[in-house]
Amino acid sequence: MNVSSNRMKLLLFVFVLLACTGAELRKVRIKEIGWTFSVPPNLHIKDSAFDRNGNIKPDAWEVPNPSFPQQRVSLVSIESSRNNYFNSIVYIDSSDLNDWKKKTIEETRFYIEKIGELPNYKLLDTTITTELIDGVGFQKEYFKLYNSKNNITTQSYKYSRRYKNYSINYNIRFIDTTVGKQYLQVLKTSSFDR
């Protein structure tokens, strides 16, 4: 009876261990832009513009207007708090790849210049480069910004790529480096169609 009791305790321990270890990653595939990613159990998708089959919802596209003539959609937003977020914005873009790269770098430089002019803010670091993720080339911008008014340092990444007739931006901003590493991991472990 002692052996059976020990086996029962061992089985119970194994079941408890399996239950505690196993919150699974949520895997998401968005076919239209060729992106597959996994979300850790402690992060949640706050907003999404795609259906359960991975298609962008037709009514999610914003109507172009004079102040922003490109048709766009905020595709997915993953948040842990107000100051930490990961989102993806998709634009319809039929420009030539070289024109797109040039425009992306110009916009990045302009954006970083304007951030540097903000009162109470100091740019601590900036980078504009390219990076391969899953063998796909991305334009990468990074900046680290210190706000002297509230003593907060923010890190921001923007990864951009062209796919079919889309310009796709993955934006990651955080003050909590633990959460930021998780967001970067979501992107860097993603797979992308070519």
N, C-alpha and C. Protein backbone atom coordinates (compact mmCIF):
# COMPACT_ATOMS: atom_id res chain seq x y z
N MET A 1 0.82 -1.19 0.00
CA MET A 1 0.00 0.00 0.00
C MET A 1 0.86 1.25 0.00
N ASN A 2 1.99 1.19 0.63
CA ASN A 2 2.92 2.32 0.67
C ASN A 2 3.43 2.66 -0.72
N VAL A 3 3.70 1.62 -1.56
CA VAL A 3 4.18 1.84 -2.92
C VAL A 3 3.10 2.53 -3.75
N SER A 4 1.85 2.09 -3.62
CA SER A 4 0.74 2.72 -4.35
C SER A 4 0.54 4.15 -3.91
N SER A 5 0.66 4.40 -2.66
CA SER A 5 0.52 5.75 -2.13
C SER A 5 1.62 6.66 -2.69
N ASN A 6 2.84 6.16 -2.74
CA ASN A 6 3.95 6.95 -3.30
C ASN A 6 3.74 7.20 -4.79
N ARG A 7 3.23 6.18 -5.50
CA ARG A 7 2.96 6.37 -6.94
C ARG A 7 1.88 7.42 -7.15
N MET A 8 0.85 7.37 -6.33
CA MET A 8 -0.23 8.36 -6.44
C MET A 8 0.30 9.77 -6.18
N LYS A 9 1.15 9.88 -5.15
CA LYS A 9 1.74 11.19 -4.85
C LYS A 9 2.62 11.67 -6.00
N LEU A 10 3.37 10.74 -6.59
CA LEU A 10 4.23 11.08 -7.72
C LEU A 10 3.38 11.51 -8.92
N LEU A 11 2.31 10.77 -9.21
CA LEU A 11 1.42 11.14 -10.31
C LEU A 11 0.77 12.50 -10.07
N LEU A 12 0.31 12.73 -8.86
CA LEU A 12 -0.29 14.00 -8.51
C LEU A 12 0.73 15.13 -8.69
N PHE A 13 1.95 14.92 -8.24
CA PHE A 13 3.01 15.91 -8.38
C PHE A 13 3.27 16.21 -9.86
N VAL A 14 3.32 15.17 -10.70
CA VAL A 14 3.57 15.35 -12.14
C VAL A 14 2.42 16.15 -12.76
N PHE A 15 1.17 15.83 -12.41
CA PHE A 15 0.04 16.58 -12.96
C PHE A 15 0.07 18.04 -12.55
N VAL A 16 0.38 18.29 -11.29
CA VAL A 16 0.47 19.68 -10.81
C VAL A 16 1.60 20.40 -11.54
N LEU A 17 2.73 19.75 -11.70
CA LEU A 17 3.88 20.34 -12.39
C LEU A 17 3.52 20.66 -13.84
N LEU A 18 2.85 19.74 -14.53
CA LEU A 18 2.44 19.99 -15.91
C LEU A 18 1.45 21.14 -16.00
N ALA A 19 0.55 21.22 -15.06
CA ALA A 19 -0.43 22.31 -15.06
C ALA A 19 0.24 23.65 -14.83
N CYS A 20 1.25 23.70 -13.98
CA CYS A 20 1.92 24.96 -13.67
C CYS A 20 2.86 25.41 -14.77
N THR A 21 3.44 24.48 -15.49
CA THR A 21 4.44 24.85 -16.49
C THR A 21 3.83 25.20 -17.83
N GLY A 22 2.56 24.90 -18.01
CA GLY A 22 2.17 24.87 -19.38
C GLY A 22 1.23 25.87 -19.94
N ALA A 23 1.21 27.10 -19.55
CA ALA A 23 0.40 28.05 -20.28
C ALA A 23 1.04 28.22 -21.65
N GLU A 24 0.30 27.89 -22.67
CA GLU A 24 0.85 27.83 -24.02
C GLU A 24 0.86 29.20 -24.68
N LEU A 25 1.78 29.36 -25.63
CA LEU A 25 1.82 30.54 -26.46
C LEU A 25 0.61 30.52 -27.38
N ARG A 26 0.03 31.67 -27.61
CA ARG A 26 -1.06 31.76 -28.58
C ARG A 26 -0.43 32.06 -29.93
N LYS A 27 -0.62 31.18 -30.88
CA LYS A 27 -0.03 31.34 -32.21
C LYS A 27 -1.06 31.97 -33.14
N VAL A 28 -0.64 33.00 -33.87
CA VAL A 28 -1.53 33.76 -34.75
C VAL A 28 -0.92 33.81 -36.14
N ARG A 29 -1.75 33.62 -37.15
CA ARG A 29 -1.30 33.71 -38.54
C ARG A 29 -2.18 34.72 -39.26
N ILE A 30 -1.56 35.75 -39.85
CA ILE A 30 -2.29 36.73 -40.65
C ILE A 30 -1.84 36.52 -42.09
N LYS A 31 -2.65 35.78 -42.81
CA LYS A 31 -2.28 35.34 -44.17
C LYS A 31 -2.02 36.49 -45.12
N GLU A 32 -2.86 37.50 -45.05
CA GLU A 32 -2.81 38.58 -46.03
C GLU A 32 -1.47 39.30 -46.07
N ILE A 33 -0.79 39.38 -44.92
CA ILE A 33 0.53 40.03 -44.91
C ILE A 33 1.66 39.04 -44.63
N GLY A 34 1.33 37.75 -44.61
CA GLY A 34 2.36 36.73 -44.49
C GLY A 34 3.10 36.73 -43.17
N TRP A 35 2.38 36.92 -42.05
CA TRP A 35 3.02 37.02 -40.74
C TRP A 35 2.42 35.99 -39.79
N THR A 36 3.30 35.21 -39.16
CA THR A 36 2.89 34.26 -38.12
C THR A 36 3.69 34.60 -36.87
N PHE A 37 2.99 34.75 -35.75
CA PHE A 37 3.65 35.12 -34.50
C PHE A 37 2.98 34.43 -33.32
N SER A 38 3.69 34.39 -32.21
CA SER A 38 3.16 33.79 -30.98
C SER A 38 3.17 34.82 -29.87
N VAL A 39 2.10 34.82 -29.09
CA VAL A 39 1.95 35.75 -27.97
C VAL A 39 2.07 34.98 -26.67
N PRO A 40 3.00 35.38 -25.79
CA PRO A 40 3.13 34.70 -24.50
C PRO A 40 1.86 34.84 -23.67
N PRO A 41 1.61 33.92 -22.76
CA PRO A 41 0.37 33.94 -21.99
C PRO A 41 0.20 35.18 -21.10
N ASN A 42 1.30 35.84 -20.72
CA ASN A 42 1.17 37.02 -19.85
C ASN A 42 0.89 38.29 -20.63
N LEU A 43 0.93 38.24 -21.96
CA LEU A 43 0.57 39.37 -22.80
C LEU A 43 -0.73 39.03 -23.51
N HIS A 44 -1.49 40.05 -23.87
CA HIS A 44 -2.74 39.76 -24.56
C HIS A 44 -2.92 40.73 -25.73
N ILE A 45 -3.60 40.22 -26.74
CA ILE A 45 -3.93 41.05 -27.89
C ILE A 45 -5.10 41.92 -27.48
N LYS A 46 -4.85 43.21 -27.44
CA LYS A 46 -5.88 44.15 -26.99
C LYS A 46 -6.86 44.46 -28.11
N ASP A 47 -6.35 44.59 -29.31
CA ASP A 47 -7.19 44.98 -30.42
C ASP A 47 -6.65 44.31 -31.67
N SER A 48 -7.54 43.89 -32.53
CA SER A 48 -7.08 43.28 -33.77
C SER A 48 -8.05 43.59 -34.88
N ALA A 49 -7.51 43.66 -36.09
CA ALA A 49 -8.32 43.96 -37.26
C ALA A 49 -8.32 42.79 -38.23
N PHE A 50 -8.14 41.59 -37.69
CA PHE A 50 -8.16 40.40 -38.53
C PHE A 50 -9.15 39.39 -37.95
N ASP A 51 -9.67 38.55 -38.82
CA ASP A 51 -10.65 37.57 -38.37
C ASP A 51 -9.96 36.27 -37.94
N ARG A 52 -10.74 35.32 -37.52
CA ARG A 52 -10.16 34.06 -37.01
C ARG A 52 -9.47 33.25 -38.09
N ASN A 53 -9.71 33.57 -39.37
CA ASN A 53 -9.03 32.89 -40.47
C ASN A 53 -7.74 33.60 -40.89
N GLY A 54 -7.41 34.70 -40.22
CA GLY A 54 -6.18 35.41 -40.54
C GLY A 54 -6.31 36.41 -41.67
N ASN A 55 -7.52 36.82 -41.99
CA ASN A 55 -7.74 37.81 -43.03
C ASN A 55 -8.04 39.17 -42.40
N ILE A 56 -7.50 40.22 -43.02
CA ILE A 56 -7.78 41.57 -42.53
C ILE A 56 -9.25 41.87 -42.80
N LYS A 57 -9.96 42.34 -41.77
CA LYS A 57 -11.38 42.66 -41.91
C LYS A 57 -11.53 43.86 -42.86
N PRO A 58 -12.38 43.74 -43.87
CA PRO A 58 -12.55 44.84 -44.83
C PRO A 58 -12.95 46.17 -44.18
N ASP A 59 -13.78 46.13 -43.14
CA ASP A 59 -14.23 47.37 -42.51
C ASP A 59 -13.20 47.96 -41.55
N ALA A 60 -12.06 47.30 -41.37
CA ALA A 60 -11.02 47.82 -40.47
C ALA A 60 -10.14 48.88 -41.14
N TRP A 61 -10.13 48.90 -42.47
CA TRP A 61 -9.31 49.87 -43.19
C TRP A 61 -9.85 51.28 -42.97
N GLU A 62 -8.96 52.18 -42.60
CA GLU A 62 -9.37 53.58 -42.43
C GLU A 62 -9.58 54.21 -43.80
N VAL A 63 -10.54 55.10 -43.88
CA VAL A 63 -10.81 55.79 -45.13
C VAL A 63 -9.75 56.89 -45.30
N PRO A 64 -9.09 56.92 -46.46
CA PRO A 64 -8.09 57.98 -46.69
C PRO A 64 -8.71 59.36 -46.56
N ASN A 65 -7.93 60.32 -46.08
CA ASN A 65 -8.41 61.69 -45.95
C ASN A 65 -7.28 62.64 -46.34
N PRO A 66 -7.57 63.93 -46.50
CA PRO A 66 -6.53 64.87 -46.94
C PRO A 66 -5.30 64.91 -46.04
N SER A 67 -5.48 64.74 -44.75
CA SER A 67 -4.31 64.80 -43.85
C SER A 67 -3.52 63.49 -43.86
N PHE A 68 -4.18 62.40 -44.24
CA PHE A 68 -3.47 61.12 -44.36
C PHE A 68 -4.06 60.34 -45.54
N PRO A 69 -3.47 60.55 -46.74
CA PRO A 69 -4.07 59.97 -47.94
C PRO A 69 -3.86 58.47 -48.13
N GLN A 70 -2.90 57.86 -47.44
CA GLN A 70 -2.68 56.42 -47.60
C GLN A 70 -3.72 55.64 -46.83
N GLN A 71 -4.25 54.61 -47.47
CA GLN A 71 -5.19 53.74 -46.77
C GLN A 71 -4.39 52.87 -45.80
N ARG A 72 -4.85 52.78 -44.55
CA ARG A 72 -4.11 52.03 -43.54
C ARG A 72 -5.06 51.34 -42.58
N VAL A 73 -4.46 50.39 -41.84
CA VAL A 73 -5.20 49.69 -40.81
C VAL A 73 -4.24 49.42 -39.65
N SER A 74 -4.72 49.64 -38.42
CA SER A 74 -3.96 49.23 -37.24
C SER A 74 -4.33 47.78 -37.03
N LEU A 75 -3.40 46.90 -37.36
CA LEU A 75 -3.71 45.47 -37.48
C LEU A 75 -3.82 44.74 -36.15
N VAL A 76 -2.82 44.92 -35.30
CA VAL A 76 -2.83 44.20 -34.03
C VAL A 76 -2.15 45.06 -32.97
N SER A 77 -2.66 45.01 -31.77
CA SER A 77 -2.09 45.76 -30.67
C SER A 77 -1.96 44.82 -29.47
N ILE A 78 -0.74 44.71 -28.95
CA ILE A 78 -0.48 43.87 -27.78
C ILE A 78 -0.01 44.80 -26.67
N GLU A 79 -0.69 44.79 -25.56
CA GLU A 79 -0.33 45.70 -24.48
C GLU A 79 -0.17 44.97 -23.16
N SER A 80 0.73 45.51 -22.34
CA SER A 80 0.81 45.06 -20.96
C SER A 80 0.45 46.22 -20.04
N SER A 81 0.64 47.44 -20.52
CA SER A 81 0.24 48.64 -19.79
C SER A 81 0.24 49.80 -20.76
N ARG A 82 -0.20 50.94 -20.30
CA ARG A 82 -0.30 52.13 -21.14
C ARG A 82 1.05 52.57 -21.70
N ASN A 83 2.12 52.38 -20.97
CA ASN A 83 3.44 52.84 -21.38
C ASN A 83 4.25 51.80 -22.14
N ASN A 84 3.71 50.63 -22.32
CA ASN A 84 4.40 49.56 -23.03
C ASN A 84 3.45 49.01 -24.08
N TYR A 85 3.86 49.04 -25.33
CA TYR A 85 2.98 48.47 -26.34
C TYR A 85 3.74 47.95 -27.54
N PHE A 86 3.07 47.10 -28.28
CA PHE A 86 3.54 46.54 -29.55
C PHE A 86 2.34 46.64 -30.48
N ASN A 87 2.51 47.32 -31.60
CA ASN A 87 1.42 47.32 -32.57
C ASN A 87 1.96 47.17 -33.98
N SER A 88 1.09 46.83 -34.86
CA SER A 88 1.44 46.67 -36.26
C SER A 88 0.46 47.49 -37.08
N ILE A 89 1.01 48.32 -37.96
CA ILE A 89 0.17 49.14 -38.83
C ILE A 89 0.53 48.78 -40.27
N VAL A 90 -0.49 48.58 -41.08
CA VAL A 90 -0.31 48.18 -42.47
C VAL A 90 -0.86 49.29 -43.37
N TYR A 91 -0.08 49.65 -44.38
CA TYR A 91 -0.48 50.66 -45.35
C TYR A 91 -0.54 50.03 -46.74
N ILE A 92 -1.48 50.49 -47.55
CA ILE A 92 -1.47 50.13 -48.97
C ILE A 92 -0.37 50.98 -49.59
N ASP A 93 0.56 50.36 -50.28
CA ASP A 93 1.70 51.08 -50.85
C ASP A 93 2.14 50.39 -52.14
N SER A 94 1.98 51.08 -53.24
CA SER A 94 2.36 50.50 -54.53
C SER A 94 3.67 51.08 -55.05
N SER A 95 4.40 51.79 -54.21
CA SER A 95 5.65 52.41 -54.66
C SER A 95 6.72 51.36 -54.94
N ASP A 96 7.68 51.76 -55.72
CA ASP A 96 8.85 50.93 -56.03
C ASP A 96 9.61 50.66 -54.73
N LEU A 97 10.24 49.50 -54.61
CA LEU A 97 10.94 49.12 -53.37
C LEU A 97 12.03 50.12 -53.00
N ASN A 98 12.81 50.59 -53.96
CA ASN A 98 13.86 51.56 -53.65
C ASN A 98 13.29 52.89 -53.18
N ASP A 99 12.18 53.33 -53.81
CA ASP A 99 11.51 54.56 -53.35
C ASP A 99 10.98 54.38 -51.94
N TRP A 100 10.42 53.20 -51.68
CA TRP A 100 9.90 52.92 -50.34
C TRP A 100 11.00 52.99 -49.30
N LYS A 101 12.16 52.37 -49.58
CA LYS A 101 13.29 52.40 -48.63
C LYS A 101 13.74 53.82 -48.37
N LYS A 102 13.88 54.61 -49.44
CA LYS A 102 14.31 56.00 -49.31
C LYS A 102 13.31 56.80 -48.47
N LYS A 103 12.02 56.64 -48.78
CA LYS A 103 10.98 57.35 -48.04
C LYS A 103 10.97 56.94 -46.56
N THR A 104 11.15 55.66 -46.29
CA THR A 104 11.15 55.16 -44.91
C THR A 104 12.31 55.77 -44.11
N ILE A 105 13.48 55.82 -44.69
CA ILE A 105 14.64 56.41 -44.01
C ILE A 105 14.45 57.91 -43.81
N GLU A 106 13.93 58.61 -44.80
CA GLU A 106 13.68 60.05 -44.66
C GLU A 106 12.68 60.33 -43.54
N GLU A 107 11.60 59.55 -43.49
CA GLU A 107 10.60 59.73 -42.43
C GLU A 107 11.20 59.46 -41.06
N THR A 108 12.04 58.45 -40.97
CA THR A 108 12.67 58.11 -39.70
C THR A 108 13.58 59.24 -39.23
N ARG A 109 14.40 59.76 -40.11
CA ARG A 109 15.30 60.87 -39.75
C ARG A 109 14.51 62.09 -39.31
N PHE A 110 13.43 62.41 -40.04
CA PHE A 110 12.59 63.55 -39.68
C PHE A 110 11.97 63.35 -38.30
N TYR A 111 11.46 62.16 -38.07
CA TYR A 111 10.83 61.83 -36.79
C TYR A 111 11.81 61.96 -35.63
N ILE A 112 13.00 61.41 -35.79
CA ILE A 112 14.02 61.48 -34.73
C ILE A 112 14.44 62.93 -34.50
N GLU A 113 14.57 63.70 -35.57
CA GLU A 113 14.92 65.12 -35.43
C GLU A 113 13.87 65.87 -34.62
N LYS A 114 12.59 65.62 -34.91
CA LYS A 114 11.50 66.30 -34.19
C LYS A 114 11.44 65.88 -32.73
N ILE A 115 11.69 64.61 -32.46
CA ILE A 115 11.71 64.15 -31.08
C ILE A 115 12.81 64.86 -30.31
N GLY A 116 13.96 65.02 -30.94
CA GLY A 116 15.09 65.70 -30.30
C GLY A 116 14.82 67.15 -29.96
N GLU A 117 13.83 67.76 -30.59
CA GLU A 117 13.49 69.16 -30.33
C GLU A 117 12.46 69.33 -29.21
N LEU A 118 11.92 68.26 -28.70
CA LEU A 118 10.90 68.36 -27.65
C LEU A 118 11.49 68.87 -26.35
N PRO A 119 10.78 69.80 -25.66
CA PRO A 119 11.28 70.26 -24.36
C PRO A 119 11.22 69.13 -23.33
N ASN A 120 12.11 69.12 -22.41
CA ASN A 120 12.20 68.13 -21.33
C ASN A 120 12.62 66.74 -21.80
N TYR A 121 12.97 66.60 -23.06
CA TYR A 121 13.40 65.31 -23.58
C TYR A 121 14.83 65.37 -24.08
N LYS A 122 15.52 64.25 -23.90
CA LYS A 122 16.89 64.14 -24.40
C LYS A 122 17.03 62.79 -25.10
N LEU A 123 17.48 62.84 -26.36
CA LEU A 123 17.75 61.61 -27.08
C LEU A 123 19.05 61.01 -26.56
N LEU A 124 18.99 59.79 -26.06
CA LEU A 124 20.17 59.13 -25.53
C LEU A 124 20.85 58.25 -26.58
N ASP A 125 20.06 57.74 -27.53
CA ASP A 125 20.62 56.85 -28.53
C ASP A 125 19.67 56.79 -29.72
N THR A 126 20.20 56.68 -30.92
CA THR A 126 19.40 56.47 -32.12
C THR A 126 20.16 55.54 -33.06
N THR A 127 19.40 54.75 -33.79
CA THR A 127 19.99 53.85 -34.79
C THR A 127 19.01 53.73 -35.95
N ILE A 128 19.54 53.79 -37.16
CA ILE A 128 18.77 53.47 -38.36
C ILE A 128 19.61 52.44 -39.10
N THR A 129 19.05 51.25 -39.27
CA THR A 129 19.81 50.16 -39.87
C THR A 129 18.86 49.16 -40.53
N THR A 130 19.41 48.06 -41.00
CA THR A 130 18.58 46.97 -41.50
C THR A 130 18.84 45.75 -40.63
N GLU A 131 17.86 44.88 -40.55
CA GLU A 131 17.99 43.66 -39.74
C GLU A 131 17.22 42.53 -40.41
N LEU A 132 17.79 41.35 -40.36
CA LEU A 132 17.11 40.16 -40.87
C LEU A 132 16.36 39.47 -39.74
N ILE A 133 15.09 39.17 -39.99
CA ILE A 133 14.29 38.35 -39.08
C ILE A 133 13.68 37.25 -39.93
N ASP A 134 13.93 36.02 -39.58
CA ASP A 134 13.45 34.87 -40.34
C ASP A 134 13.88 34.97 -41.81
N GLY A 135 15.05 35.53 -42.04
CA GLY A 135 15.58 35.65 -43.39
C GLY A 135 14.97 36.77 -44.22
N VAL A 136 14.13 37.61 -43.60
CA VAL A 136 13.47 38.72 -44.30
C VAL A 136 14.10 40.03 -43.83
N GLY A 137 14.40 40.92 -44.78
CA GLY A 137 15.03 42.20 -44.45
C GLY A 137 14.02 43.22 -43.96
N PHE A 138 14.38 43.90 -42.87
CA PHE A 138 13.56 44.96 -42.29
C PHE A 138 14.38 46.23 -42.17
N GLN A 139 13.75 47.38 -42.40
CA GLN A 139 14.33 48.66 -42.04
C GLN A 139 14.06 48.80 -40.54
N LYS A 140 15.09 49.11 -39.78
CA LYS A 140 14.94 49.19 -38.32
C LYS A 140 15.33 50.58 -37.84
N GLU A 141 14.46 51.17 -37.04
CA GLU A 141 14.81 52.41 -36.37
C GLU A 141 14.69 52.17 -34.87
N TYR A 142 15.59 52.79 -34.14
CA TYR A 142 15.58 52.65 -32.68
C TYR A 142 15.93 54.00 -32.09
N PHE A 143 15.25 54.35 -31.02
CA PHE A 143 15.69 55.49 -30.24
C PHE A 143 15.38 55.26 -28.77
N LYS A 144 16.23 55.86 -27.97
CA LYS A 144 16.09 55.82 -26.52
C LYS A 144 15.97 57.27 -26.07
N LEU A 145 14.92 57.56 -25.34
CA LEU A 145 14.54 58.93 -25.01
C LEU A 145 14.35 59.09 -23.51
N TYR A 146 14.98 60.13 -22.95
CA TYR A 146 14.84 60.41 -21.52
C TYR A 146 13.96 61.63 -21.32
N ASN A 147 12.96 61.50 -20.45
CA ASN A 147 12.08 62.61 -20.10
C ASN A 147 12.50 63.11 -18.73
N SER A 148 13.10 64.30 -18.68
CA SER A 148 13.60 64.84 -17.41
C SER A 148 12.47 65.30 -16.49
N LYS A 149 11.32 65.58 -17.04
CA LYS A 149 10.19 66.03 -16.24
C LYS A 149 9.67 64.93 -15.32
N ASN A 150 9.57 63.69 -15.84
CA ASN A 150 9.07 62.59 -15.01
C ASN A 150 10.11 61.50 -14.77
N ASN A 151 11.35 61.75 -15.20
CA ASN A 151 12.47 60.83 -14.94
C ASN A 151 12.23 59.43 -15.51
N ILE A 152 11.70 59.39 -16.74
CA ILE A 152 11.40 58.11 -17.38
C ILE A 152 12.20 58.00 -18.68
N THR A 153 12.76 56.82 -18.89
CA THR A 153 13.45 56.53 -20.15
C THR A 153 12.59 55.57 -20.96
N THR A 154 12.33 55.94 -22.19
CA THR A 154 11.52 55.14 -23.11
C THR A 154 12.41 54.63 -24.24
N GLN A 155 12.20 53.38 -24.60
CA GLN A 155 12.88 52.82 -25.77
C GLN A 155 11.82 52.53 -26.83
N SER A 156 12.17 52.82 -28.07
CA SER A 156 11.22 52.64 -29.17
C SER A 156 11.90 51.99 -30.36
N TYR A 157 11.24 50.98 -30.92
CA TYR A 157 11.71 50.29 -32.11
C TYR A 157 10.62 50.35 -33.17
N LYS A 158 11.05 50.51 -34.41
CA LYS A 158 10.11 50.39 -35.52
C LYS A 158 10.80 49.54 -36.59
N TYR A 159 10.15 48.43 -36.92
CA TYR A 159 10.64 47.54 -37.97
C TYR A 159 9.66 47.67 -39.14
N SER A 160 10.19 47.93 -40.33
CA SER A 160 9.33 48.12 -41.50
C SER A 160 9.75 47.18 -42.62
N ARG A 161 8.76 46.71 -43.37
CA ARG A 161 9.06 45.87 -44.53
C ARG A 161 7.99 46.06 -45.58
N ARG A 162 8.34 45.72 -46.79
CA ARG A 162 7.38 45.68 -47.89
C ARG A 162 7.02 44.23 -48.13
N TYR A 163 5.74 44.00 -48.37
CA TYR A 163 5.26 42.66 -48.74
C TYR A 163 4.08 42.86 -49.68
N LYS A 164 4.20 42.32 -50.87
CA LYS A 164 3.19 42.52 -51.91
C LYS A 164 2.97 44.02 -52.09
N ASN A 165 1.73 44.49 -51.97
CA ASN A 165 1.50 45.93 -52.11
C ASN A 165 1.27 46.60 -50.75
N TYR A 166 1.88 46.04 -49.72
CA TYR A 166 1.74 46.58 -48.36
C TYR A 166 3.07 47.10 -47.83
N SER A 167 2.97 48.18 -47.07
CA SER A 167 4.08 48.65 -46.25
C SER A 167 3.66 48.31 -44.82
N ILE A 168 4.46 47.51 -44.13
CA ILE A 168 4.08 47.00 -42.82
C ILE A 168 5.05 47.51 -41.78
N ASN A 169 4.52 48.10 -40.72
CA ASN A 169 5.34 48.64 -39.63
C ASN A 169 5.00 47.92 -38.34
N TYR A 170 6.04 47.48 -37.66
CA TYR A 170 5.89 46.87 -36.34
C TYR A 170 6.51 47.87 -35.35
N ASN A 171 5.69 48.42 -34.46
CA ASN A 171 6.13 49.45 -33.52
C ASN A 171 6.15 48.88 -32.11
N ILE A 172 7.28 49.04 -31.45
CA ILE A 172 7.43 48.54 -30.08
C ILE A 172 7.96 49.69 -29.24
N ARG A 173 7.24 50.02 -28.19
CA ARG A 173 7.68 51.09 -27.29
C ARG A 173 7.51 50.61 -25.86
N PHE A 174 8.52 50.89 -25.03
CA PHE A 174 8.41 50.42 -23.65
C PHE A 174 9.29 51.24 -22.70
N ILE A 175 8.88 51.23 -21.44
CA ILE A 175 9.70 51.76 -20.36
C ILE A 175 10.15 50.60 -19.46
N ASP A 176 9.41 49.53 -19.46
CA ASP A 176 9.74 48.32 -18.69
C ASP A 176 10.55 47.40 -19.61
N THR A 177 11.84 47.25 -19.34
CA THR A 177 12.70 46.47 -20.23
C THR A 177 12.34 44.98 -20.26
N THR A 178 11.76 44.46 -19.19
CA THR A 178 11.34 43.05 -19.19
C THR A 178 10.22 42.85 -20.22
N VAL A 179 9.25 43.74 -20.20
CA VAL A 179 8.15 43.67 -21.16
C VAL A 179 8.69 43.95 -22.56
N GLY A 180 9.58 44.91 -22.69
CA GLY A 180 10.16 45.23 -23.99
C GLY A 180 10.86 44.04 -24.61
N LYS A 181 11.58 43.28 -23.81
CA LYS A 181 12.25 42.08 -24.32
C LYS A 181 11.22 41.06 -24.83
N GLN A 182 10.08 40.96 -24.14
CA GLN A 182 9.03 40.04 -24.58
C GLN A 182 8.45 40.49 -25.92
N TYR A 183 8.20 41.79 -26.08
CA TYR A 183 7.69 42.30 -27.34
C TYR A 183 8.67 42.03 -28.48
N LEU A 184 9.95 42.32 -28.23
CA LEU A 184 10.97 42.07 -29.26
C LEU A 184 11.03 40.58 -29.59
N GLN A 185 10.86 39.74 -28.59
CA GLN A 185 10.86 38.29 -28.80
C GLN A 185 9.68 37.86 -29.68
N VAL A 186 8.50 38.49 -29.47
CA VAL A 186 7.34 38.18 -30.32
C VAL A 186 7.70 38.43 -31.78
N LEU A 187 8.32 39.58 -32.05
CA LEU A 187 8.67 39.90 -33.44
C LEU A 187 9.81 39.03 -33.96
N LYS A 188 10.86 38.88 -33.16
CA LYS A 188 12.05 38.19 -33.65
C LYS A 188 11.89 36.67 -33.78
N THR A 189 10.84 36.12 -33.18
CA THR A 189 10.56 34.68 -33.35
C THR A 189 9.41 34.46 -34.33
N SER A 190 8.96 35.53 -34.96
CA SER A 190 7.90 35.43 -35.96
C SER A 190 8.44 34.79 -37.23
N SER A 191 7.53 34.31 -38.05
CA SER A 191 7.92 33.84 -39.37
C SER A 191 7.16 34.70 -40.39
N PHE A 192 7.82 34.91 -41.53
CA PHE A 192 7.29 35.81 -42.55
C PHE A 192 7.35 35.15 -43.92
N ASP A 193 6.28 35.32 -44.67
CA ASP A 193 6.28 34.86 -46.06
C ASP A 193 7.18 35.78 -46.86
N ARG A 194 7.77 35.23 -47.88
CA ARG A 194 8.63 36.04 -48.75
C ARG A 194 7.91 36.45 -49.99
